[in-house]
Protein backbone atom coordinates (compact mmCIF):
# COMPACT_ATOMS: atom_id res chain seq x y z
CA MET A 1 17.45 8.02 -8.10
CA ARG A 2 14.18 9.80 -7.66
CA LYS A 3 13.96 12.70 -5.35
CA ILE A 4 10.65 13.01 -3.30
CA ALA A 5 10.17 15.26 -0.41
CA PHE A 6 8.15 14.15 2.54
CA THR A 7 5.99 16.52 4.74
CA LYS A 8 5.93 15.09 8.54
CA GLU A 9 2.38 14.56 8.03
CA GLU A 10 2.94 12.31 4.99
CA ILE A 11 5.66 10.14 6.93
CA LYS A 12 3.05 9.80 9.79
CA GLN A 13 0.29 8.55 7.44
CA LEU A 14 2.84 6.14 5.61
CA SER A 15 3.96 4.80 8.94
CA TYR A 16 0.40 3.99 10.14
CA GLU A 17 -0.54 2.70 6.86
CA SER A 18 2.53 0.53 6.53
CA ILE A 19 1.28 -1.27 9.54
CA TYR A 20 -2.61 -1.11 9.80
CA HIS A 21 -3.79 -1.00 5.97
CA GLU A 22 -6.01 -4.09 5.12
CA HIS A 23 -4.22 -4.99 2.10
CA HIS A 24 -0.52 -6.56 2.23
CA ILE A 25 0.38 -4.91 -1.20
CA VAL A 26 -0.80 -1.55 0.19
CA ARG A 27 1.19 -2.01 3.21
CA ARG A 28 4.28 -3.09 1.36
CA ARG A 29 4.09 0.14 -0.80
CA MET A 30 3.71 2.27 2.16
CA GLN A 31 6.76 0.54 3.80
CA ALA A 32 8.68 1.33 0.60
CA LEU A 33 7.85 5.04 0.83
CA LEU A 34 8.62 5.13 4.78
CA LEU A 35 11.91 3.77 3.98
CA LYS A 36 12.55 6.14 1.08
CA SER A 37 11.59 8.96 3.56
CA GLN A 38 14.39 7.67 6.02
CA GLY A 39 16.94 8.17 3.21
CA LEU A 40 17.77 4.36 2.51
CA LEU A 41 18.87 3.53 -1.00
CA HIS A 42 16.95 1.96 -3.53
CA GLN A 43 18.88 -1.18 -3.60
CA GLU A 44 18.51 -1.22 0.21
CA ILE A 45 14.86 -0.98 0.16
CA ALA A 46 14.41 -3.65 -2.47
CA GLU A 47 16.39 -6.05 -0.48
CA ILE A 48 14.72 -5.25 2.87
CA LEU A 49 11.27 -5.70 1.40
CA ASN A 50 12.29 -8.38 -0.79
CA ILE A 51 11.02 -6.80 -3.98
CA SER A 52 12.73 -5.94 -7.26
CA GLU A 53 14.04 -2.41 -8.04
CA THR A 54 11.55 -2.06 -10.87
CA ALA A 55 8.58 -2.70 -8.50
CA LEU A 56 10.16 -0.26 -6.04
CA ARG A 57 10.33 2.63 -9.06
CA GLU A 58 6.55 1.69 -9.76
CA TYR A 59 5.56 2.58 -6.20
CA PHE A 60 7.57 5.74 -6.44
CA ASP A 61 5.72 6.79 -9.69
CA LEU A 62 2.63 5.96 -8.26
CA TYR A 63 3.24 8.26 -5.29
CA LEU A 64 4.57 10.99 -7.46
CA ALA A 65 1.76 10.88 -9.79
CA GLY A 66 -1.23 10.87 -6.85
CA GLY A 67 0.37 10.63 -3.44
CA ILE A 68 -0.80 8.26 -0.84
CA GLU A 69 -4.05 7.91 -2.28
CA ALA A 70 -2.49 6.35 -5.42
CA LEU A 71 -0.73 4.04 -3.49
CA GLN A 72 -3.93 2.69 -1.89
CA GLU A 73 -5.55 1.86 -5.13
CA LEU A 74 -5.65 -1.72 -6.27
CA HIS A 75 -6.55 -2.38 -9.66
CA TYR A 76 -6.73 -6.40 -9.20
CA GLN A 77 -8.71 -8.06 -12.25
CA GLY A 78 -8.62 -11.50 -11.26
CA LYS A 79 -11.42 -13.84 -10.09
CA ALA A 80 -13.87 -12.75 -7.38
CA ASN A 81 -12.86 -13.98 -3.74
CA LEU A 82 -15.82 -16.38 -3.14
CA LEU A 83 -14.99 -16.90 0.51
CA ARG A 84 -15.15 -13.22 1.09
CA GLU A 85 -18.56 -13.20 -0.66
CA LYS A 86 -19.58 -16.02 1.70
CA LYS A 87 -18.25 -14.42 4.68
CA THR A 88 -20.32 -11.17 3.73
CA ARG A 89 -23.58 -12.96 3.44
CA SER A 90 -22.90 -14.63 6.89
CA LEU A 91 -22.87 -11.45 8.68
CA PRO A 92 -25.98 -9.88 10.76
CA PRO A 93 -27.49 -7.45 8.21
CA SER A 94 -26.40 -4.50 10.27
CA ARG A 95 -22.72 -5.41 9.41
CA ARG A 96 -23.29 -6.32 5.84
CA THR A 97 -22.79 -2.36 4.89
CA LEU A 98 -19.30 -2.57 5.74
CA GLN A 99 -17.28 -2.49 2.47
CA LEU A 100 -14.94 -5.24 2.46
CA PRO A 101 -12.17 -4.85 -0.18
């Protein structure tokens, strides 16, 4: 079991990001760390989030290596989302500068 110490500020940020981050994978990572900060066992966290304990350990390792910023990084290498590109093109020019993930 990994021992991780959380500051009040980190818990606050984990709580916010677990609800409001735009990507579901990042929200799940934040939820996992938030539950860890509350003292739940790894098995309990994995069961609540319906993920493997291996995935859970990967989330913890990401956090230990780079903090909350590392949890927010996605390294998806699949096909581009054509619908998102079409949506961006349909936006007025003033809104196109908004970066979509």
